[in-house]
N, C-alpha and C. Protein backbone atom coordinates (compact mmCIF):
# COMPACT_ATOMS: atom_id res chain seq x y z
N MET A 1 -43.68 8.32 25.87
CA MET A 1 -43.11 8.35 24.55
C MET A 1 -41.59 8.29 24.61
N GLN A 2 -41.02 9.06 25.54
CA GLN A 2 -39.58 9.10 25.65
C GLN A 2 -39.05 7.74 26.15
N LYS A 3 -39.76 7.09 27.05
CA LYS A 3 -39.36 5.78 27.56
C LYS A 3 -39.41 4.75 26.44
N THR A 4 -40.41 4.81 25.58
CA THR A 4 -40.52 3.90 24.44
C THR A 4 -39.36 4.11 23.48
N PHE A 5 -38.99 5.36 23.23
CA PHE A 5 -37.86 5.65 22.35
C PHE A 5 -36.59 5.05 22.89
N TRP A 6 -36.29 5.27 24.18
CA TRP A 6 -35.05 4.76 24.76
C TRP A 6 -35.05 3.24 24.83
N THR A 7 -36.20 2.62 25.07
CA THR A 7 -36.28 1.16 25.06
C THR A 7 -35.99 0.63 23.67
N PHE A 8 -36.60 1.24 22.66
CA PHE A 8 -36.35 0.83 21.27
C PHE A 8 -34.88 1.05 20.89
N PHE A 9 -34.32 2.21 21.30
CA PHE A 9 -32.93 2.54 20.99
C PHE A 9 -31.97 1.51 21.60
N VAL A 10 -32.17 1.15 22.86
CA VAL A 10 -31.30 0.18 23.54
C VAL A 10 -31.43 -1.20 22.90
N LEU A 11 -32.65 -1.63 22.57
CA LEU A 11 -32.85 -2.93 21.92
C LEU A 11 -32.22 -2.96 20.53
N ALA A 12 -32.36 -1.87 19.77
CA ALA A 12 -31.76 -1.81 18.44
C ALA A 12 -30.25 -1.83 18.53
N LEU A 13 -29.69 -1.09 19.47
CA LEU A 13 -28.25 -1.08 19.65
C LEU A 13 -27.74 -2.45 20.05
N ALA A 14 -28.44 -3.13 20.94
CA ALA A 14 -28.05 -4.48 21.35
C ALA A 14 -28.17 -5.45 20.18
N GLY A 15 -29.22 -5.30 19.38
CA GLY A 15 -29.39 -6.17 18.22
C GLY A 15 -28.32 -5.97 17.16
N LEU A 16 -27.87 -4.74 16.98
CA LEU A 16 -26.82 -4.47 16.01
C LEU A 16 -25.44 -4.85 16.53
N SER A 17 -25.23 -4.81 17.83
CA SER A 17 -23.91 -5.10 18.38
C SER A 17 -23.60 -6.59 18.36
N VAL A 18 -24.61 -7.45 18.37
CA VAL A 18 -24.36 -8.90 18.34
C VAL A 18 -23.69 -9.32 17.03
N PRO A 19 -24.22 -8.95 15.84
CA PRO A 19 -23.50 -9.30 14.62
C PRO A 19 -22.14 -8.62 14.50
N ALA A 20 -22.03 -7.39 15.00
CA ALA A 20 -20.75 -6.71 14.93
C ALA A 20 -19.70 -7.41 15.79
N ALA A 21 -20.12 -7.93 16.94
CA ALA A 21 -19.18 -8.64 17.81
C ALA A 21 -18.76 -9.96 17.19
N ALA A 22 -19.58 -10.53 16.32
CA ALA A 22 -19.26 -11.81 15.70
C ALA A 22 -18.24 -11.66 14.58
N GLN A 23 -17.98 -10.42 14.11
CA GLN A 23 -17.01 -10.21 13.04
C GLN A 23 -15.60 -10.31 13.62
N PRO A 24 -14.81 -11.26 13.13
CA PRO A 24 -13.45 -11.39 13.67
C PRO A 24 -12.51 -10.33 13.12
N PHE A 25 -11.66 -9.86 13.99
CA PHE A 25 -10.63 -8.90 13.63
C PHE A 25 -9.28 -9.58 13.71
N GLY A 26 -8.36 -9.14 12.90
CA GLY A 26 -7.00 -9.65 12.95
C GLY A 26 -6.02 -8.49 12.96
N ALA A 27 -4.85 -8.75 13.49
CA ALA A 27 -3.79 -7.74 13.52
C ALA A 27 -2.46 -8.45 13.58
N GLY A 28 -1.43 -7.76 13.14
CA GLY A 28 -0.11 -8.36 13.19
C GLY A 28 0.94 -7.46 12.59
N LEU A 29 2.02 -8.07 12.15
CA LEU A 29 3.17 -7.37 11.62
C LEU A 29 3.52 -7.92 10.25
N LYS A 30 3.83 -7.04 9.32
CA LYS A 30 4.30 -7.44 7.98
C LYS A 30 5.80 -7.16 7.91
N LEU A 31 6.55 -8.12 7.40
CA LEU A 31 7.99 -8.00 7.17
C LEU A 31 8.27 -8.41 5.74
N GLY A 32 9.23 -7.75 5.09
CA GLY A 32 9.53 -8.15 3.73
C GLY A 32 10.64 -7.34 3.12
N ALA A 33 10.71 -7.41 1.79
CA ALA A 33 11.74 -6.70 1.03
C ALA A 33 11.22 -6.41 -0.37
N THR A 34 11.80 -5.39 -0.98
CA THR A 34 11.46 -5.09 -2.36
C THR A 34 12.15 -6.11 -3.26
N LEU A 35 11.49 -6.49 -4.33
CA LEU A 35 12.06 -7.42 -5.31
C LEU A 35 12.64 -6.69 -6.51
N THR A 36 12.27 -5.43 -6.68
CA THR A 36 12.76 -4.62 -7.79
C THR A 36 13.40 -3.36 -7.23
N ASN A 37 14.25 -2.75 -8.02
CA ASN A 37 14.90 -1.51 -7.59
C ASN A 37 13.89 -0.38 -7.51
N SER A 38 14.10 0.50 -6.55
CA SER A 38 13.23 1.66 -6.43
C SER A 38 13.68 2.80 -7.34
N VAL A 39 14.92 2.69 -7.87
CA VAL A 39 15.47 3.72 -8.75
C VAL A 39 16.03 3.05 -9.99
N SER A 40 15.72 3.60 -11.17
CA SER A 40 16.32 3.12 -12.42
C SER A 40 17.26 4.19 -12.93
N SER A 41 18.28 3.76 -13.68
CA SER A 41 19.28 4.71 -14.17
C SER A 41 19.66 4.38 -15.60
N VAL A 42 20.25 5.37 -16.28
CA VAL A 42 20.80 5.11 -17.60
C VAL A 42 22.08 4.30 -17.41
N GLU A 43 22.57 3.67 -18.47
CA GLU A 43 23.70 2.75 -18.35
C GLU A 43 24.96 3.42 -17.82
N SER A 44 25.20 4.68 -18.13
CA SER A 44 26.43 5.34 -17.71
C SER A 44 26.43 5.71 -16.23
N ALA A 45 25.24 5.81 -15.62
CA ALA A 45 25.18 6.16 -14.20
C ALA A 45 25.22 4.88 -13.37
N THR A 46 25.93 4.93 -12.27
CA THR A 46 26.03 3.76 -11.40
C THR A 46 25.23 4.03 -10.14
N ILE A 47 24.08 3.42 -10.07
CA ILE A 47 23.23 3.51 -8.90
C ILE A 47 23.28 2.14 -8.23
N PRO A 48 23.61 2.06 -6.94
CA PRO A 48 23.65 0.76 -6.29
C PRO A 48 22.26 0.12 -6.23
N ASN A 49 22.26 -1.19 -6.11
CA ASN A 49 21.01 -1.91 -5.98
C ASN A 49 20.27 -1.37 -4.76
N SER A 50 19.03 -1.00 -4.93
CA SER A 50 18.31 -0.29 -3.87
C SER A 50 17.18 -1.13 -3.26
N SER A 51 17.39 -2.42 -3.13
CA SER A 51 16.39 -3.23 -2.47
C SER A 51 16.28 -2.79 -1.02
N ALA A 52 15.08 -2.68 -0.53
CA ALA A 52 14.86 -2.16 0.82
C ALA A 52 14.06 -3.15 1.65
N LEU A 53 14.27 -3.08 2.94
CA LEU A 53 13.46 -3.84 3.87
C LEU A 53 12.14 -3.13 4.06
N ILE A 54 11.14 -3.89 4.47
CA ILE A 54 9.80 -3.34 4.70
C ILE A 54 9.32 -3.88 6.05
N VAL A 55 8.73 -3.02 6.86
CA VAL A 55 8.19 -3.45 8.14
C VAL A 55 7.00 -2.56 8.49
N GLY A 56 6.00 -3.14 9.13
CA GLY A 56 4.87 -2.33 9.56
C GLY A 56 3.70 -3.16 10.05
N PRO A 57 2.81 -2.55 10.81
CA PRO A 57 1.64 -3.24 11.33
C PRO A 57 0.53 -3.32 10.29
N TYR A 58 -0.37 -4.27 10.51
CA TYR A 58 -1.58 -4.36 9.69
C TYR A 58 -2.76 -4.72 10.58
N VAL A 59 -3.95 -4.34 10.14
CA VAL A 59 -5.20 -4.74 10.78
C VAL A 59 -6.11 -5.30 9.69
N GLU A 60 -6.99 -6.20 10.10
CA GLU A 60 -7.86 -6.86 9.13
C GLU A 60 -9.23 -7.10 9.74
N LEU A 61 -10.23 -6.84 8.94
CA LEU A 61 -11.61 -7.17 9.29
C LEU A 61 -12.01 -8.34 8.41
N ARG A 62 -12.24 -9.51 9.01
CA ARG A 62 -12.62 -10.71 8.26
C ARG A 62 -14.14 -10.76 8.13
N LEU A 63 -14.58 -10.83 6.89
CA LEU A 63 -16.00 -10.82 6.56
C LEU A 63 -16.44 -12.23 6.14
N PRO A 64 -17.73 -12.46 6.00
CA PRO A 64 -18.20 -13.78 5.55
C PRO A 64 -17.75 -14.10 4.12
N LEU A 65 -17.83 -15.36 3.77
CA LEU A 65 -17.57 -15.88 2.43
C LEU A 65 -16.13 -15.70 1.97
N GLY A 66 -15.18 -15.62 2.90
CA GLY A 66 -13.77 -15.52 2.55
C GLY A 66 -13.28 -14.12 2.24
N PHE A 67 -14.15 -13.12 2.37
CA PHE A 67 -13.75 -11.74 2.11
C PHE A 67 -13.13 -11.11 3.36
N ALA A 68 -12.28 -10.11 3.15
CA ALA A 68 -11.68 -9.36 4.24
C ALA A 68 -11.27 -7.99 3.72
N ILE A 69 -11.09 -7.06 4.65
CA ILE A 69 -10.55 -5.74 4.35
C ILE A 69 -9.32 -5.57 5.23
N GLU A 70 -8.21 -5.19 4.59
CA GLU A 70 -6.94 -5.05 5.32
C GLU A 70 -6.39 -3.65 5.13
N GLY A 71 -5.84 -3.11 6.20
CA GLY A 71 -5.15 -1.83 6.16
C GLY A 71 -3.74 -1.98 6.70
N ASP A 72 -2.76 -1.47 5.98
CA ASP A 72 -1.35 -1.60 6.37
C ASP A 72 -0.74 -0.21 6.56
N ALA A 73 0.31 -0.16 7.37
CA ALA A 73 1.17 1.02 7.50
C ALA A 73 2.60 0.50 7.34
N LEU A 74 3.09 0.48 6.12
CA LEU A 74 4.38 -0.15 5.80
C LEU A 74 5.48 0.90 5.69
N TYR A 75 6.59 0.65 6.37
CA TYR A 75 7.73 1.57 6.37
C TYR A 75 8.86 0.96 5.57
N TYR A 76 9.35 1.71 4.59
CA TYR A 76 10.47 1.30 3.75
C TYR A 76 11.67 2.16 4.14
N PRO A 77 12.52 1.74 5.09
CA PRO A 77 13.66 2.58 5.47
C PRO A 77 14.76 2.51 4.42
N GLY A 78 15.39 3.64 4.14
CA GLY A 78 16.50 3.67 3.18
C GLY A 78 16.13 3.18 1.80
N LEU A 79 14.96 3.54 1.34
CA LEU A 79 14.47 3.02 0.06
C LEU A 79 15.29 3.50 -1.13
N PHE A 80 15.65 4.77 -1.14
CA PHE A 80 16.38 5.32 -2.27
C PHE A 80 17.86 5.43 -1.93
N PRO A 81 18.75 5.10 -2.87
CA PRO A 81 20.19 5.23 -2.60
C PRO A 81 20.58 6.70 -2.44
N ASP A 82 21.74 6.94 -1.83
CA ASP A 82 22.19 8.31 -1.59
C ASP A 82 22.29 9.13 -2.87
N ALA A 83 22.62 8.49 -3.99
CA ALA A 83 22.72 9.22 -5.26
C ALA A 83 21.39 9.83 -5.66
N ALA A 84 20.28 9.24 -5.21
CA ALA A 84 18.95 9.76 -5.55
C ALA A 84 18.41 10.68 -4.46
N GLY A 85 19.22 10.99 -3.47
CA GLY A 85 18.77 11.90 -2.42
C GLY A 85 18.40 11.22 -1.14
N GLY A 86 18.58 9.91 -1.05
CA GLY A 86 18.23 9.19 0.16
C GLY A 86 16.73 9.19 0.38
N GLY A 87 16.33 8.83 1.56
CA GLY A 87 14.92 8.90 1.90
C GLY A 87 14.31 7.55 2.22
N SER A 88 13.25 7.61 2.96
CA SER A 88 12.46 6.45 3.32
C SER A 88 11.04 6.70 2.83
N MET A 89 10.20 5.69 2.92
CA MET A 89 8.84 5.85 2.44
C MET A 89 7.87 5.15 3.38
N TRP A 90 6.73 5.77 3.60
CA TRP A 90 5.59 5.14 4.26
C TRP A 90 4.55 4.85 3.19
N GLN A 91 3.98 3.65 3.26
CA GLN A 91 2.93 3.28 2.30
C GLN A 91 1.72 2.78 3.09
N PHE A 92 0.53 3.25 2.67
CA PHE A 92 -0.71 2.91 3.36
C PHE A 92 -1.72 2.32 2.38
N PRO A 93 -1.65 1.01 2.10
CA PRO A 93 -2.66 0.40 1.23
C PRO A 93 -3.89 -0.02 2.03
N ILE A 94 -5.04 0.10 1.39
CA ILE A 94 -6.32 -0.43 1.91
C ILE A 94 -6.75 -1.48 0.90
N LEU A 95 -6.76 -2.74 1.32
CA LEU A 95 -6.94 -3.84 0.38
C LEU A 95 -8.21 -4.64 0.64
N ALA A 96 -8.89 -4.98 -0.42
CA ALA A 96 -9.97 -5.97 -0.36
C ALA A 96 -9.31 -7.32 -0.62
N LYS A 97 -9.63 -8.29 0.19
CA LYS A 97 -8.97 -9.59 0.12
C LYS A 97 -10.02 -10.68 -0.04
N LEU A 98 -9.73 -11.67 -0.87
CA LEU A 98 -10.62 -12.82 -1.06
C LEU A 98 -9.82 -14.09 -0.85
N ARG A 99 -10.21 -14.86 0.18
CA ARG A 99 -9.57 -16.13 0.47
C ARG A 99 -10.36 -17.26 -0.18
N PHE A 100 -9.61 -18.26 -0.67
CA PHE A 100 -10.22 -19.42 -1.30
C PHE A 100 -10.03 -20.63 -0.39
N LEU A 101 -10.86 -21.63 -0.56
CA LEU A 101 -10.77 -22.90 0.16
C LEU A 101 -11.06 -22.72 1.64
N LYS A 102 -11.18 -23.82 2.32
CA LYS A 102 -11.36 -23.88 3.77
C LYS A 102 -10.20 -24.65 4.35
N GLY A 103 -9.97 -24.49 5.62
CA GLY A 103 -8.92 -25.25 6.27
C GLY A 103 -7.73 -24.40 6.66
N PRO A 104 -6.62 -25.06 7.05
CA PRO A 104 -5.46 -24.31 7.55
C PRO A 104 -4.61 -23.64 6.47
N VAL A 105 -4.76 -24.04 5.20
CA VAL A 105 -4.01 -23.44 4.10
C VAL A 105 -5.01 -22.79 3.14
N ARG A 106 -4.94 -21.45 3.02
CA ARG A 106 -5.92 -20.72 2.22
C ARG A 106 -5.22 -19.73 1.29
N PRO A 107 -5.19 -20.01 -0.01
CA PRO A 107 -4.66 -19.01 -0.95
C PRO A 107 -5.61 -17.81 -1.02
N TYR A 108 -5.05 -16.65 -1.38
CA TYR A 108 -5.88 -15.46 -1.48
C TYR A 108 -5.33 -14.50 -2.54
N ILE A 109 -6.21 -13.60 -2.97
CA ILE A 109 -5.84 -12.49 -3.83
C ILE A 109 -6.29 -11.22 -3.13
N GLU A 110 -5.64 -10.10 -3.48
CA GLU A 110 -5.98 -8.85 -2.83
C GLU A 110 -5.71 -7.69 -3.78
N GLY A 111 -6.36 -6.59 -3.51
CA GLY A 111 -6.13 -5.40 -4.32
C GLY A 111 -6.84 -4.19 -3.74
N GLY A 112 -6.30 -3.02 -4.05
CA GLY A 112 -6.92 -1.80 -3.59
C GLY A 112 -6.02 -0.60 -3.75
N PRO A 113 -6.52 0.56 -3.34
CA PRO A 113 -5.74 1.80 -3.48
C PRO A 113 -4.63 1.88 -2.43
N ALA A 114 -3.61 2.67 -2.75
CA ALA A 114 -2.50 2.88 -1.81
C ALA A 114 -2.06 4.33 -1.87
N TYR A 115 -1.63 4.82 -0.74
CA TYR A 115 -1.06 6.16 -0.62
C TYR A 115 0.37 5.99 -0.10
N SER A 116 1.32 6.73 -0.65
CA SER A 116 2.69 6.67 -0.15
C SER A 116 3.22 8.08 0.08
N HIS A 117 4.17 8.16 1.01
CA HIS A 117 4.78 9.44 1.33
C HIS A 117 6.26 9.24 1.61
N ILE A 118 7.11 10.00 0.91
CA ILE A 118 8.55 9.92 1.09
C ILE A 118 8.96 10.84 2.24
N THR A 119 9.82 10.32 3.14
CA THR A 119 10.33 11.09 4.26
C THR A 119 11.85 10.98 4.28
N ASP A 120 12.48 11.71 5.15
CA ASP A 120 13.93 11.64 5.37
C ASP A 120 14.72 11.93 4.10
N VAL A 121 14.26 12.84 3.28
CA VAL A 121 14.98 13.17 2.04
C VAL A 121 16.11 14.13 2.38
N LYS A 122 17.32 13.80 1.93
CA LYS A 122 18.49 14.62 2.24
C LYS A 122 18.66 15.78 1.26
N THR A 123 18.45 15.54 -0.01
CA THR A 123 18.60 16.60 -1.01
C THR A 123 17.27 16.82 -1.70
N LEU A 124 16.76 18.01 -1.66
CA LEU A 124 15.45 18.31 -2.22
C LEU A 124 15.41 18.61 -3.72
N PRO A 125 16.51 18.99 -4.40
CA PRO A 125 16.38 19.35 -5.81
C PRO A 125 15.86 18.21 -6.71
N ASP A 126 16.12 16.96 -6.34
CA ASP A 126 15.69 15.83 -7.17
C ASP A 126 14.27 15.36 -6.85
N LEU A 127 13.68 15.88 -5.78
CA LEU A 127 12.36 15.44 -5.35
C LEU A 127 11.27 16.17 -6.13
N LEU A 128 10.47 15.41 -6.87
CA LEU A 128 9.36 16.01 -7.64
C LEU A 128 8.07 15.96 -6.84
N HIS A 129 7.80 14.82 -6.21
CA HIS A 129 6.57 14.62 -5.44
C HIS A 129 6.93 13.83 -4.18
N SER A 130 6.53 14.31 -3.03
CA SER A 130 6.78 13.54 -1.81
C SER A 130 5.61 12.60 -1.49
N SER A 131 4.45 12.86 -2.06
CA SER A 131 3.29 12.00 -1.85
C SER A 131 2.83 11.44 -3.20
N ASP A 132 2.26 10.24 -3.15
CA ASP A 132 1.85 9.58 -4.38
C ASP A 132 0.64 8.69 -4.10
N PHE A 133 -0.12 8.41 -5.14
CA PHE A 133 -1.28 7.54 -5.06
C PHE A 133 -1.13 6.45 -6.11
N GLY A 134 -1.67 5.28 -5.81
CA GLY A 134 -1.56 4.20 -6.78
C GLY A 134 -2.45 3.04 -6.42
N ILE A 135 -2.06 1.88 -6.93
CA ILE A 135 -2.81 0.66 -6.73
C ILE A 135 -1.87 -0.44 -6.26
N THR A 136 -2.38 -1.31 -5.42
CA THR A 136 -1.64 -2.47 -4.96
C THR A 136 -2.44 -3.72 -5.29
N LEU A 137 -1.78 -4.69 -5.93
CA LEU A 137 -2.38 -5.98 -6.25
C LEU A 137 -1.47 -7.06 -5.68
N GLY A 138 -2.05 -8.14 -5.19
CA GLY A 138 -1.21 -9.18 -4.61
C GLY A 138 -1.88 -10.53 -4.58
N ALA A 139 -1.06 -11.53 -4.25
CA ALA A 139 -1.53 -12.91 -4.07
C ALA A 139 -0.64 -13.58 -3.04
N GLY A 140 -1.23 -14.48 -2.27
CA GLY A 140 -0.46 -15.16 -1.24
C GLY A 140 -1.19 -16.37 -0.71
N VAL A 141 -0.63 -16.93 0.35
CA VAL A 141 -1.20 -18.10 1.00
C VAL A 141 -1.20 -17.84 2.50
N GLU A 142 -2.35 -18.06 3.15
CA GLU A 142 -2.43 -17.92 4.60
C GLU A 142 -2.35 -19.30 5.24
N LEU A 143 -1.40 -19.45 6.15
CA LEU A 143 -1.23 -20.70 6.90
C LEU A 143 -1.69 -20.44 8.33
N LYS A 144 -2.69 -21.21 8.78
CA LYS A 144 -3.21 -21.01 10.12
C LYS A 144 -2.68 -22.12 11.02
N LEU A 145 -1.91 -21.70 12.04
CA LEU A 145 -1.34 -22.62 13.01
C LEU A 145 -1.87 -22.23 14.38
N LEU A 146 -2.91 -22.96 14.83
CA LEU A 146 -3.63 -22.61 16.05
C LEU A 146 -4.15 -21.19 15.93
N ALA A 147 -3.73 -20.26 16.77
CA ALA A 147 -4.21 -18.88 16.68
C ALA A 147 -3.32 -18.02 15.78
N LEU A 148 -2.14 -18.51 15.44
CA LEU A 148 -1.19 -17.75 14.64
C LEU A 148 -1.49 -17.90 13.15
N ARG A 149 -1.41 -16.79 12.42
CA ARG A 149 -1.61 -16.79 10.97
C ARG A 149 -0.35 -16.26 10.31
N ILE A 150 0.24 -17.06 9.44
CA ILE A 150 1.43 -16.67 8.69
C ILE A 150 1.04 -16.61 7.22
N SER A 151 1.29 -15.46 6.59
CA SER A 151 0.85 -15.28 5.21
C SER A 151 1.93 -14.66 4.34
N PRO A 152 2.70 -15.51 3.63
CA PRO A 152 3.63 -14.97 2.64
C PRO A 152 2.86 -14.53 1.39
N GLU A 153 3.32 -13.43 0.78
CA GLU A 153 2.62 -12.90 -0.38
C GLU A 153 3.57 -12.10 -1.27
N ILE A 154 3.17 -11.95 -2.51
CA ILE A 154 3.88 -11.09 -3.45
C ILE A 154 2.90 -10.00 -3.88
N ARG A 155 3.39 -8.76 -3.88
CA ARG A 155 2.54 -7.62 -4.25
C ARG A 155 3.17 -6.83 -5.38
N TYR A 156 2.30 -6.24 -6.17
CA TYR A 156 2.69 -5.26 -7.19
C TYR A 156 2.17 -3.91 -6.75
N ASN A 157 3.04 -2.90 -6.72
CA ASN A 157 2.66 -1.52 -6.42
C ASN A 157 2.85 -0.69 -7.68
N GLY A 158 1.81 -0.07 -8.15
CA GLY A 158 1.90 0.83 -9.30
C GLY A 158 1.44 2.22 -8.87
N PHE A 159 2.32 3.22 -9.06
CA PHE A 159 2.00 4.56 -8.61
C PHE A 159 1.88 5.54 -9.76
N LEU A 160 1.24 6.65 -9.49
CA LEU A 160 0.92 7.64 -10.50
C LEU A 160 2.11 8.50 -10.91
N PHE A 161 2.93 8.91 -9.95
CA PHE A 161 3.99 9.88 -10.22
C PHE A 161 5.38 9.25 -10.15
N THR A 162 6.34 9.89 -10.81
CA THR A 162 7.76 9.65 -10.60
C THR A 162 8.17 10.60 -9.49
N ASN A 163 8.57 10.05 -8.33
CA ASN A 163 8.84 10.90 -7.17
C ASN A 163 10.18 11.62 -7.24
N ILE A 164 11.20 10.94 -7.73
CA ILE A 164 12.54 11.51 -7.76
C ILE A 164 13.11 11.38 -9.16
N GLN A 165 13.72 12.46 -9.67
CA GLN A 165 14.36 12.41 -10.98
C GLN A 165 15.52 13.39 -10.98
N SER A 166 16.67 12.92 -11.44
CA SER A 166 17.84 13.81 -11.47
C SER A 166 17.65 14.85 -12.57
N PRO A 167 18.25 16.03 -12.39
CA PRO A 167 18.08 17.09 -13.39
C PRO A 167 18.57 16.70 -14.78
N LEU A 168 19.60 15.85 -14.87
CA LEU A 168 20.14 15.44 -16.16
C LEU A 168 19.48 14.16 -16.69
N GLY A 169 18.55 13.62 -15.93
CA GLY A 169 17.87 12.41 -16.37
C GLY A 169 18.68 11.14 -16.22
N LEU A 170 19.71 11.15 -15.35
CA LEU A 170 20.54 9.97 -15.16
C LEU A 170 19.83 8.89 -14.35
N PHE A 171 18.94 9.28 -13.45
CA PHE A 171 18.18 8.30 -12.67
C PHE A 171 16.82 8.88 -12.33
N GLN A 172 15.89 7.98 -12.02
CA GLN A 172 14.56 8.37 -11.58
C GLN A 172 13.95 7.24 -10.77
N SER A 173 13.00 7.59 -9.92
CA SER A 173 12.32 6.56 -9.13
C SER A 173 11.38 5.77 -10.03
N ASN A 174 11.27 4.49 -9.75
CA ASN A 174 10.36 3.63 -10.51
C ASN A 174 8.94 3.78 -9.99
N ARG A 175 8.01 3.83 -10.90
CA ARG A 175 6.60 3.91 -10.52
C ARG A 175 6.00 2.54 -10.27
N ASN A 176 6.65 1.49 -10.75
CA ASN A 176 6.18 0.11 -10.57
C ASN A 176 7.18 -0.63 -9.70
N GLN A 177 6.66 -1.43 -8.78
CA GLN A 177 7.55 -2.14 -7.89
C GLN A 177 6.89 -3.45 -7.44
N ALA A 178 7.72 -4.48 -7.31
CA ALA A 178 7.28 -5.77 -6.77
C ALA A 178 7.90 -5.94 -5.39
N VAL A 179 7.10 -6.44 -4.44
CA VAL A 179 7.59 -6.66 -3.08
C VAL A 179 7.16 -8.04 -2.60
N PHE A 180 7.95 -8.58 -1.69
CA PHE A 180 7.63 -9.84 -1.02
C PHE A 180 7.41 -9.53 0.45
N LEU A 181 6.29 -9.96 1.00
CA LEU A 181 5.95 -9.71 2.40
C LEU A 181 5.54 -11.00 3.09
N VAL A 182 5.79 -11.06 4.38
CA VAL A 182 5.27 -12.14 5.22
C VAL A 182 4.53 -11.50 6.37
N GLY A 183 3.25 -11.81 6.48
CA GLY A 183 2.44 -11.31 7.59
C GLY A 183 2.43 -12.33 8.72
N ILE A 184 2.64 -11.85 9.94
CA ILE A 184 2.57 -12.71 11.12
C ILE A 184 1.57 -12.06 12.06
N GLY A 185 0.46 -12.73 12.28
CA GLY A 185 -0.57 -12.11 13.09
C GLY A 185 -1.51 -13.11 13.72
N PHE A 186 -2.59 -12.56 14.27
CA PHE A 186 -3.61 -13.37 14.95
C PHE A 186 -4.97 -13.12 14.38
């Protein structure tokens, strides 16, 4: 009986591992910049333009019929200007992706939940929330050049909380943001 169980277990495991091995995985690096300010202010307050660079790794599980699941770890260094307390942000979106068409040029749409966390904050009185939850929506085009995949995209990030707000209401962090990213991966 025990021999039959182990034989069945090994055959089932081998049978399940063949389709799992056929699922292609992708990984790479995302580079980009914010298209909108991370902080808004009233007209009398002068907050410098706070466009930030974005960099971070991504992994992707490519599924049949043009579907994929992508996970990113994006770092926004120096996201907030010094007037807002400084700080950087990590963002972790988990996105469902749908690619259209076949061939080397494939447009796609994506969307899913995102978690963000502010780090490197210099002044704490203006910080309301260091962690936030929201949604990420995007669209882009994947260009496949041999094994290399280059995918420029535009994303919308909408978050639940205002993370930073001055006591007098002169400035606050924006809950909505547009970003431009280019993924370079395999």
